[in-house]
Amino acid sequence: MMSALIFAIVQLIHSIITMYIWIIIISAVLSFVQPDPRNPIVDILNRLTFPVFNFVRQKLPFVVFSGIDLSPIVIIFGLQFIDTLLMRSVMAI
C-alpha cells in the first residue's frame, strides 16, 4: 500500500518536472523570436521561468557565455538529474 502511494507521488513529480522542462524549452525557443511581452502566453511563460533563470544566473554567473544564456540548459540538466534520481530510488523499493 505504502509503496503504491510513494510510486504515485513520484509519478506526479515526474509529470510536473517533464511539463516544466517543456515550458523551459518553449521559453528558450521564444526568446530567439522576441515575441510581444504583453501576450498572455508569453507573460505566463516568463512568470514561470524567469525567477528560476535569474536564480541560476546569480548563483552561477558563468552560465552567460559570450552573450548566450545557458541557464535553461543548466536547469534542464538539474531537473533531469533529480527526476532520474527519484525514479531510480522508487524502482529500488
PDB file of N, CA and C in Angstrom:
ATOM      1  N   MET A   1       0.822  -1.201   0.000  1.00  0.00           N
ATOM      2  CA  MET A   1       0.000   0.000   0.000  1.00  0.00           C
ATOM      3  C   MET A   1       0.860   1.257   0.000  1.00  0.00           C
ATOM      4  N   MET A   2       1.828   1.291   0.918  1.00  0.00           N
ATOM      5  CA  MET A   2       2.675   2.474   1.024  1.00  0.00           C
ATOM      6  C   MET A   2       3.541   2.648  -0.219  1.00  0.00           C
ATOM      7  N   SER A   3       4.033   1.545  -0.775  1.00  0.00           N
ATOM      8  CA  SER A   3       4.870   1.673  -1.962  1.00  0.00           C
ATOM      9  C   SER A   3       4.057   2.181  -3.154  1.00  0.00           C
ATOM     10  N   ALA A   4       2.778   1.823  -3.226  1.00  0.00           N
ATOM     11  CA  ALA A   4       1.925   2.329  -4.303  1.00  0.00           C
ATOM     12  C   ALA A   4       1.707   3.830  -4.156  1.00  0.00           C
ATOM     13  N   LEU A   5       1.554   4.294  -2.932  1.00  0.00           N
ATOM     14  CA  LEU A   5       1.388   5.729  -2.686  1.00  0.00           C
ATOM     15  C   LEU A   5       2.663   6.489  -3.040  1.00  0.00           C
ATOM     16  N   ILE A   6       3.794   5.955  -2.631  1.00  0.00           N
ATOM     17  CA  ILE A   6       5.074   6.596  -2.950  1.00  0.00           C
ATOM     18  C   ILE A   6       5.284   6.622  -4.454  1.00  0.00           C
ATOM     19  N   PHE A   7       4.971   5.513  -5.124  1.00  0.00           N
ATOM     20  CA  PHE A   7       5.115   5.463  -6.574  1.00  0.00           C
ATOM     21  C   PHE A   7       4.213   6.493  -7.247  1.00  0.00           C
ATOM     22  N   ALA A   8       2.993   6.659  -6.765  1.00  0.00           N
ATOM     23  CA  ALA A   8       2.070   7.643  -7.340  1.00  0.00           C
ATOM     24  C   ALA A   8       2.592   9.062  -7.144  1.00  0.00           C
ATOM     25  N   ILE A   9       3.156   9.340  -5.977  1.00  0.00           N
ATOM     26  CA  ILE A   9       3.712  10.676  -5.714  1.00  0.00           C
ATOM     27  C   ILE A   9       4.904  10.942  -6.621  1.00  0.00           C
ATOM     28  N   VAL A  10       5.771   9.948  -6.777  1.00  0.00           N
ATOM     29  CA  VAL A  10       6.941  10.121  -7.647  1.00  0.00           C
ATOM     30  C   VAL A  10       6.504  10.281  -9.100  1.00  0.00           C
ATOM     31  N   GLN A  11       5.480   9.565  -9.518  1.00  0.00           N
ATOM     32  CA  GLN A  11       4.955   9.727 -10.876  1.00  0.00           C
ATOM     33  C   GLN A  11       4.411  11.140 -11.088  1.00  0.00           C
ATOM     34  N   LEU A  12       3.737  11.678 -10.085  1.00  0.00           N
ATOM     35  CA  LEU A  12       3.231  13.049 -10.164  1.00  0.00           C
ATOM     36  C   LEU A  12       4.388  14.039 -10.276  1.00  0.00           C
ATOM     37  N   ILE A  13       5.411  13.851  -9.455  1.00  0.00           N
ATOM     38  CA  ILE A  13       6.590  14.726  -9.516  1.00  0.00           C
ATOM     39  C   ILE A  13       7.264  14.601 -10.875  1.00  0.00           C
ATOM     40  N   HIS A  14       7.356  13.385 -11.398  1.00  0.00           N
ATOM     41  CA  HIS A  14       7.936  13.162 -12.726  1.00  0.00           C
ATOM     42  C   HIS A  14       7.151  13.929 -13.798  1.00  0.00           C
ATOM     43  N   SER A  15       5.830  13.886 -13.722  1.00  0.00           N
ATOM     44  CA  SER A  15       4.995  14.603 -14.698  1.00  0.00           C
ATOM     45  C   SER A  15       5.184  16.110 -14.594  1.00  0.00           C
ATOM     46  N   ILE A  16       5.270  16.623 -13.376  1.00  0.00           N
ATOM     47  CA  ILE A  16       5.478  18.063 -13.176  1.00  0.00           C
ATOM     48  C   ILE A  16       6.838  18.481 -13.713  1.00  0.00           C
ATOM     49  N   ILE A  17       7.870  17.695 -13.441  1.00  0.00           N
ATOM     50  CA  ILE A  17       9.212  18.006 -13.946  1.00  0.00           C
ATOM     51  C   ILE A  17       9.217  17.994 -15.468  1.00  0.00           C
ATOM     52  N   THR A  18       8.575  17.004 -16.073  1.00  0.00           N
ATOM     53  CA  THR A  18       8.520  16.922 -17.536  1.00  0.00           C
ATOM     54  C   THR A  18       7.804  18.132 -18.130  1.00  0.00           C
ATOM     55  N   MET A  19       6.683  18.527 -17.538  1.00  0.00           N
ATOM     56  CA  MET A  19       5.966  19.712 -18.028  1.00  0.00           C
ATOM     57  C   MET A  19       6.828  20.962 -17.895  1.00  0.00           C
ATOM     58  N   TYR A  20       7.537  21.102 -16.775  1.00  0.00           N
ATOM     59  CA  TYR A  20       8.358  22.290 -16.573  1.00  0.00           C
ATOM     60  C   TYR A  20       9.536  22.318 -17.545  1.00  0.00           C
ATOM     61  N   ILE A  21      10.093  21.165 -17.869  1.00  0.00           N
ATOM     62  CA  ILE A  21      11.165  21.116 -18.868  1.00  0.00           C
ATOM     63  C   ILE A  21      10.632  21.606 -20.210  1.00  0.00           C
ATOM     64  N   TRP A  22       9.432  21.199 -20.585  1.00  0.00           N
ATOM     65  CA  TRP A  22       8.849  21.679 -21.841  1.00  0.00           C
ATOM     66  C   TRP A  22       8.577  23.182 -21.795  1.00  0.00           C
ATOM     67  N   ILE A  23       8.167  23.681 -20.648  1.00  0.00           N
ATOM     68  CA  ILE A  23       7.962  25.127 -20.500  1.00  0.00           C
ATOM     69  C   ILE A  23       9.284  25.862 -20.691  1.00  0.00           C
ATOM     70  N   ILE A  24      10.364  25.335 -20.142  1.00  0.00           N
ATOM     71  CA  ILE A  24      11.686  25.947 -20.309  1.00  0.00           C
ATOM     72  C   ILE A  24      12.101  25.929 -21.773  1.00  0.00           C
ATOM     73  N   ILE A  25      11.897  24.812 -22.450  1.00  0.00           N
ATOM     74  CA  ILE A  25      12.265  24.707 -23.867  1.00  0.00           C
ATOM     75  C   ILE A  25      11.469  25.706 -24.701  1.00  0.00           C
ATOM     76  N   ILE A  26      10.173  25.799 -24.471  1.00  0.00           N
ATOM     77  CA  ILE A  26       9.337  26.743 -25.224  1.00  0.00           C
ATOM     78  C   ILE A  26       9.777  28.175 -24.954  1.00  0.00           C
ATOM     79  N   SER A  27      10.075  28.488 -23.703  1.00  0.00           N
ATOM     80  CA  SER A  27      10.531  29.834 -23.355  1.00  0.00           C
ATOM     81  C   SER A  27      11.861  30.156 -24.030  1.00  0.00           C
ATOM     82  N   ALA A  28      12.764  29.188 -24.071  1.00  0.00           N
ATOM     83  CA  ALA A  28      14.065  29.409 -24.712  1.00  0.00           C
ATOM     84  C   ALA A  28      13.910  29.619 -26.216  1.00  0.00           C
ATOM     85  N   VAL A  29      13.054  28.837 -26.847  1.00  0.00           N
ATOM     86  CA  VAL A  29      12.831  28.996 -28.289  1.00  0.00           C
ATOM     87  C   VAL A  29      12.181  30.346 -28.574  1.00  0.00           C
ATOM     88  N   LEU A  30      11.215  30.736 -27.757  1.00  0.00           N
ATOM     89  CA  LEU A  30      10.554  32.028 -27.962  1.00  0.00           C
ATOM     90  C   LEU A  30      11.511  33.202 -27.755  1.00  0.00           C
ATOM     91  N   SER A  31      12.542  33.021 -26.953  1.00  0.00           N
ATOM     92  CA  SER A  31      13.481  34.121 -26.728  1.00  0.00           C
ATOM     93  C   SER A  31      14.249  34.476 -27.999  1.00  0.00           C
ATOM     94  N   PHE A  32      14.313  33.551 -28.957  1.00  0.00           N
ATOM     95  CA  PHE A  32      15.003  33.836 -30.211  1.00  0.00           C
ATOM     96  C   PHE A  32      14.173  34.705 -31.146  1.00  0.00           C
ATOM     97  N   VAL A  33      12.841  34.663 -31.028  1.00  0.00           N
ATOM     98  CA  VAL A  33      11.988  35.412 -31.954  1.00  0.00           C
ATOM     99  C   VAL A  33      11.464  36.718 -31.369  1.00  0.00           C
ATOM    100  N   GLN A  34      11.754  36.995 -30.098  1.00  0.00           N
ATOM    101  CA  GLN A  34      11.340  38.230 -29.425  1.00  0.00           C
ATOM    102  C   GLN A  34       9.836  38.492 -29.569  1.00  0.00           C
ATOM    103  N   PRO A  35       8.999  37.659 -28.952  1.00  0.00           N
ATOM    104  CA  PRO A  35       7.547  37.871 -29.042  1.00  0.00           C
ATOM    105  C   PRO A  35       7.112  39.074 -28.211  1.00  0.00           C
ATOM    106  N   ASP A  36       5.889  39.504 -28.437  1.00  0.00           N
ATOM    107  CA  ASP A  36       5.324  40.622 -27.683  1.00  0.00           C
ATOM    108  C   ASP A  36       5.213  40.232 -26.208  1.00  0.00           C
ATOM    109  N   PRO A  37       5.890  40.942 -25.297  1.00  0.00           N
ATOM    110  CA  PRO A  37       5.851  40.558 -23.878  1.00  0.00           C
ATOM    111  C   PRO A  37       4.478  40.742 -23.236  1.00  0.00           C
ATOM    112  N   ARG A  38       3.579  41.487 -23.887  1.00  0.00           N
ATOM    113  CA  ARG A  38       2.226  41.667 -23.347  1.00  0.00           C
ATOM    114  C   ARG A  38       1.298  40.522 -23.727  1.00  0.00           C
ATOM    115  N   ASN A  39       1.764  39.623 -24.579  1.00  0.00           N
ATOM    116  CA  ASN A  39       0.978  38.454 -24.939  1.00  0.00           C
ATOM    117  C   ASN A  39       0.768  37.610 -23.682  1.00  0.00           C
ATOM    118  N   PRO A  40      -0.468  37.191 -23.399  1.00  0.00           N
ATOM    119  CA  PRO A  40      -0.728  36.452 -22.156  1.00  0.00           C
ATOM    120  C   PRO A  40       0.071  35.150 -22.026  1.00  0.00           C
ATOM    121  N   ILE A  41       0.255  34.445 -23.127  1.00  0.00           N
ATOM    122  CA  ILE A  41       1.016  33.195 -23.069  1.00  0.00           C
ATOM    123  C   ILE A  41       2.477  33.479 -22.762  1.00  0.00           C
ATOM    124  N   VAL A  42       3.030  34.479 -23.410  1.00  0.00           N
ATOM    125  CA  VAL A  42       4.422  34.856 -23.156  1.00  0.00           C
ATOM    126  C   VAL A  42       4.576  35.333 -21.718  1.00  0.00           C
ATOM    127  N   ASP A  43       3.600  36.071 -21.234  1.00  0.00           N
ATOM    128  CA  ASP A  43       3.645  36.550 -19.851  1.00  0.00           C
ATOM    129  C   ASP A  43       3.652  35.384 -18.859  1.00  0.00           C
ATOM    130  N   ILE A  44       2.817  34.389 -19.103  1.00  0.00           N
ATOM    131  CA  ILE A  44       2.785  33.214 -18.221  1.00  0.00           C
ATOM    132  C   ILE A  44       4.118  32.469 -18.270  1.00  0.00           C
ATOM    133  N   LEU A  45       4.652  32.278 -19.476  1.00  0.00           N
ATOM    134  CA  LEU A  45       5.944  31.591 -19.601  1.00  0.00           C
ATOM    135  C   LEU A  45       7.045  32.351 -18.870  1.00  0.00           C
ATOM    136  N   ASN A  46       7.041  33.680 -19.007  1.00  0.00           N
ATOM    137  CA  ASN A  46       8.051  34.482 -18.314  1.00  0.00           C
ATOM    138  C   ASN A  46       7.905  34.382 -16.800  1.00  0.00           C
ATOM    139  N   ARG A  47       6.673  34.405 -16.318  1.00  0.00           N
ATOM    140  CA  ARG A  47       6.454  34.294 -14.864  1.00  0.00           C
ATOM    141  C   ARG A  47       6.897  32.940 -14.326  1.00  0.00           C
ATOM    142  N   LEU A  48       6.760  31.909 -15.142  1.00  0.00           N
ATOM    143  CA  LEU A  48       7.137  30.566 -14.699  1.00  0.00           C
ATOM    144  C   LEU A  48       8.640  30.302 -14.793  1.00  0.00           C
ATOM    145  N   THR A  49       9.318  30.971 -15.718  1.00  0.00           N
ATOM    146  CA  THR A  49      10.727  30.634 -15.951  1.00  0.00           C
ATOM    147  C   THR A  49      11.723  31.682 -15.473  1.00  0.00           C
ATOM    148  N   PHE A  50      11.407  32.960 -15.583  1.00  0.00           N
ATOM    149  CA  PHE A  50      12.402  33.988 -15.269  1.00  0.00           C
ATOM    150  C   PHE A  50      12.918  33.943 -13.837  1.00  0.00           C
ATOM    151  N   PRO A  51      12.083  33.685 -12.820  1.00  0.00           N
ATOM    152  CA  PRO A  51      12.656  33.608 -11.465  1.00  0.00           C
ATOM    153  C   PRO A  51      13.714  32.508 -11.329  1.00  0.00           C
ATOM    154  N   VAL A  52      13.473  31.371 -11.961  1.00  0.00           N
ATOM    155  CA  VAL A  52      14.447  30.278 -11.892  1.00  0.00           C
ATOM    156  C   VAL A  52      15.683  30.625 -12.715  1.00  0.00           C
ATOM    157  N   PHE A  53      15.485  31.208 -13.900  1.00  0.00           N
ATOM    158  CA  PHE A  53      16.625  31.630 -14.719  1.00  0.00           C
ATOM    159  C   PHE A  53      17.485  32.631 -13.956  1.00  0.00           C
ATOM    160  N   ASN A  54      16.848  33.623 -13.339  1.00  0.00           N
ATOM    161  CA  ASN A  54      17.602  34.642 -12.599  1.00  0.00           C
ATOM    162  C   ASN A  54      18.340  34.043 -11.411  1.00  0.00           C
ATOM    163  N   PHE A  55      17.730  33.090 -10.720  1.00  0.00           N
ATOM    164  CA  PHE A  55      18.396  32.431  -9.597  1.00  0.00           C
ATOM    165  C   PHE A  55      19.670  31.726 -10.069  1.00  0.00           C
ATOM    166  N   VAL A  56      19.570  31.000 -11.178  1.00  0.00           N
ATOM    167  CA  VAL A  56      20.742  30.288 -11.707  1.00  0.00           C
ATOM    168  C   VAL A  56      21.791  31.285 -12.181  1.00  0.00           C
ATOM    169  N   ARG A  57      21.376  32.357 -12.827  1.00  0.00           N
ATOM    170  CA  ARG A  57      22.334  33.375 -13.290  1.00  0.00           C
ATOM    171  C   ARG A  57      23.071  34.024 -12.127  1.00  0.00           C
ATOM    172  N   GLN A  58      22.384  34.235 -11.001  1.00  0.00           N
ATOM    173  CA  GLN A  58      23.026  34.846  -9.833  1.00  0.00           C
ATOM    174  C   GLN A  58      23.993  33.881  -9.167  1.00  0.00           C
ATOM    175  N   LYS A  59      23.597  32.624  -9.036  1.00  0.00           N
ATOM    176  CA  LYS A  59      24.438  31.640  -8.347  1.00  0.00           C
ATOM    177  C   LYS A  59      25.582  31.142  -9.222  1.00  0.00           C
ATOM    178  N   LEU A  60      25.364  31.076 -10.517  1.00  0.00           N
ATOM    179  CA  LEU A  60      26.373  30.589 -11.462  1.00  0.00           C
ATOM    180  C   LEU A  60      26.561  31.627 -12.569  1.00  0.00           C
ATOM    181  N   PRO A  61      27.332  32.683 -12.314  1.00  0.00           N
ATOM    182  CA  PRO A  61      27.443  33.754 -13.316  1.00  0.00           C
ATOM    183  C   PRO A  61      28.094  33.317 -14.629  1.00  0.00           C
ATOM    184  N   PHE A  62      28.781  32.185 -14.629  1.00  0.00           N
ATOM    185  CA  PHE A  62      29.440  31.728 -15.848  1.00  0.00           C
ATOM    186  C   PHE A  62      28.473  31.094 -16.850  1.00  0.00           C
ATOM    187  N   VAL A  63      27.173  30.971 -16.510  1.00  0.00           N
ATOM    188  CA  VAL A  63      26.228  30.367 -17.452  1.00  0.00           C
ATOM    189  C   VAL A  63      25.889  31.311 -18.604  1.00  0.00           C
ATOM    190  N   VAL A  64      26.201  32.588 -18.459  1.00  0.00           N
ATOM    191  CA  VAL A  64      26.041  33.519 -19.578  1.00  0.00           C
ATOM    192  C   VAL A  64      27.410  33.627 -20.226  1.00  0.00           C
ATOM    193  N   PHE A  65      27.531  33.029 -21.403  1.00  0.00           N
ATOM    194  CA  PHE A  65      28.818  32.902 -22.070  1.00  0.00           C
ATOM    195  C   PHE A  65      28.754  33.620 -23.409  1.00  0.00           C
ATOM    196  N   SER A  66      29.518  34.698 -23.560  1.00  0.00           N
ATOM    197  CA  SER A  66      29.565  35.490 -24.798  1.00  0.00           C
ATOM    198  C   SER A  66      28.174  35.934 -25.241  1.00  0.00           C
ATOM    199  N   GLY A  67      27.357  36.350 -24.301  1.00  0.00           N
ATOM    200  CA  GLY A  67      26.021  36.831 -24.619  1.00  0.00           C
ATOM    201  C   GLY A  67      24.986  35.734 -24.793  1.00  0.00           C
ATOM    202  N   ILE A  68      25.398  34.484 -24.661  1.00  0.00           N
ATOM    203  CA  ILE A  68      24.468  33.362 -24.788  1.00  0.00           C
ATOM    204  C   ILE A  68      24.152  32.851 -23.387  1.00  0.00           C
ATOM    205  N   ASP A  69      22.872  32.835 -23.060  1.00  0.00           N
ATOM    206  CA  ASP A  69      22.428  32.407 -21.735  1.00  0.00           C
ATOM    207  C   ASP A  69      22.219  30.893 -21.738  1.00  0.00           C
ATOM    208  N   LEU A  70      23.036  30.206 -20.973  1.00  0.00           N
ATOM    209  CA  LEU A  70      22.947  28.754 -20.892  1.00  0.00           C
ATOM    210  C   LEU A  70      22.170  28.274 -19.664  1.00  0.00           C
ATOM    211  N   SER A  71      21.543  29.199 -18.944  1.00  0.00           N
ATOM    212  CA  SER A  71      20.816  28.800 -17.736  1.00  0.00           C
ATOM    213  C   SER A  71      19.675  27.815 -18.017  1.00  0.00           C
ATOM    214  N   PRO A  72      18.946  27.907 -19.143  1.00  0.00           N
ATOM    215  CA  PRO A  72      17.923  26.881 -19.387  1.00  0.00           C
ATOM    216  C   PRO A  72      18.512  25.469 -19.478  1.00  0.00           C
ATOM    217  N   ILE A  73      19.688  25.351 -20.079  1.00  0.00           N
ATOM    218  CA  ILE A  73      20.321  24.035 -20.198  1.00  0.00           C
ATOM    219  C   ILE A  73      20.731  23.516 -18.826  1.00  0.00           C
ATOM    220  N   VAL A  74      21.288  24.399 -17.998  1.00  0.00           N
ATOM    221  CA  VAL A  74      21.690  24.004 -16.647  1.00  0.00           C
ATOM    222  C   VAL A  74      20.471  23.545 -15.851  1.00  0.00           C
ATOM    223  N   ILE A  75      19.374  24.269 -15.971  1.00  0.00           N
ATOM    224  CA  ILE A  75      18.154  23.911 -15.242  1.00  0.00           C
ATOM    225  C   ILE A  75      17.596  22.580 -15.741  1.00  0.00           C
ATOM    226  N   ILE A  76      17.590  22.382 -17.047  1.00  0.00           N
ATOM    227  CA  ILE A  76      17.085  21.120 -17.599  1.00  0.00           C
ATOM    228  C   ILE A  76      17.942  19.950 -17.128  1.00  0.00           C
ATOM    229  N   PHE A  77      19.276  20.106 -17.150  1.00  0.00           N
ATOM    230  CA  PHE A  77      20.143  19.031 -16.653  1.00  0.00           C
ATOM    231  C   PHE A  77      19.872  18.741 -15.180  1.00  0.00           C
ATOM    232  N   GLY A  78      19.702  19.791 -14.386  1.00  0.00           N
ATOM    233  CA  GLY A  78      19.409  19.608 -12.967  1.00  0.00           C
ATOM    234  C   GLY A  78      18.090  18.893 -12.739  1.00  0.00           C
ATOM    235  N   LEU A  79      17.071  19.294 -13.482  1.00  0.00           N
ATOM    236  CA  LEU A  79      15.762  18.645 -13.345  1.00  0.00           C
ATOM    237  C   LEU A  79      15.807  17.186 -13.801  1.00  0.00           C
ATOM    238  N   GLN A  80      16.544  16.925 -14.879  1.00  0.00           N
ATOM    239  CA  GLN A  80      16.687  15.543 -15.346  1.00  0.00           C
ATOM    240  C   GLN A  80      17.409  14.689 -14.310  1.00  0.00           C
ATOM    241  N   PHE A  81      18.421  15.262 -13.659  1.00  0.00           N
ATOM    242  CA  PHE A  81      19.153  14.545 -12.618  1.00  0.00           C
ATOM    243  C   PHE A  81      18.226  14.200 -11.455  1.00  0.00           C
ATOM    244  N   ILE A  82      17.459  15.184 -11.001  1.00  0.00           N
ATOM    245  CA  ILE A  82      16.522  14.957  -9.894  1.00  0.00           C
ATOM    246  C   ILE A  82      15.477  13.911 -10.283  1.00  0.00           C
ATOM    247  N   ASP A  83      14.961  14.017 -11.494  1.00  0.00           N
ATOM    248  CA  ASP A  83      13.945  13.078 -11.964  1.00  0.00           C
ATOM    249  C   ASP A  83      14.499  11.655 -12.016  1.00  0.00           C
ATOM    250  N   THR A  84      15.683  11.496 -12.569  1.00  0.00           N
ATOM    251  CA  THR A  84      16.300  10.173 -12.651  1.00  0.00           C
ATOM    252  C   THR A  84      16.577   9.608 -11.266  1.00  0.00           C
ATOM    253  N   LEU A  85      17.070  10.451 -10.376  1.00  0.00           N
ATOM    254  CA  LEU A  85      17.352  10.019  -9.008  1.00  0.00           C
ATOM    255  C   LEU A  85      16.075   9.541  -8.313  1.00  0.00           C
ATOM    256  N   LEU A  86      15.004  10.294  -8.457  1.00  0.00           N
ATOM    257  CA  LEU A  86      13.727   9.899  -7.849  1.00  0.00           C
ATOM    258  C   LEU A  86      13.198   8.592  -8.436  1.00  0.00           C
ATOM    259  N   MET A  87      13.218   8.483  -9.746  1.00  0.00           N
ATOM    260  CA  MET A  87      12.676   7.289 -10.389  1.00  0.00           C
ATOM    261  C   MET A  87      13.486   6.048 -10.018  1.00  0.00           C
ATOM    262  N   ARG A  88      14.806   6.171  -9.971  1.00  0.00           N
ATOM    263  CA  ARG A  88      15.633   5.008  -9.621  1.00  0.00           C
ATOM    264  C   ARG A  88      15.466   4.625  -8.157  1.00  0.00           C
ATOM    265  N   SER A  89      15.297   5.624  -7.296  1.00  0.00           N
ATOM    266  CA  SER A  89      15.116   5.296  -5.881  1.00  0.00           C
ATOM    267  C   SER A  89      13.779   4.597  -5.651  1.00  0.00           C
ATOM    268  N   VAL A  90      12.761   4.953  -6.419  1.00  0.00           N
ATOM    269  CA  VAL A  90      11.465   4.285  -6.286  1.00  0.00           C
ATOM    270  C   VAL A  90      11.538   2.870  -6.853  1.00  0.00           C
ATOM    271  N   MET A  91      12.264   2.694  -7.928  1.00  0.00           N
ATOM    272  CA  MET A  91      12.381   1.359  -8.512  1.00  0.00           C
ATOM    273  C   MET A  91      13.132   0.408  -7.586  1.00  0.00           C
ATOM    274  N   ALA A  92      13.970   0.960  -6.708  1.00  0.00           N
ATOM    275  CA  ALA A  92      14.723   0.124  -5.770  1.00  0.00           C
ATOM    276  C   ALA A  92      13.863  -0.348  -4.601  1.00  0.00           C
ATOM    277  N   ILE A  93      12.716   0.295  -4.415  1.00  0.00           N
ATOM    278  CA  ILE A  93      11.845  -0.079  -3.278  1.00  0.00           C
ATOM    279  C   ILE A  93      11.139  -1.384  -3.561  1.00  0.00           C
TER     280      ILE A  93
END
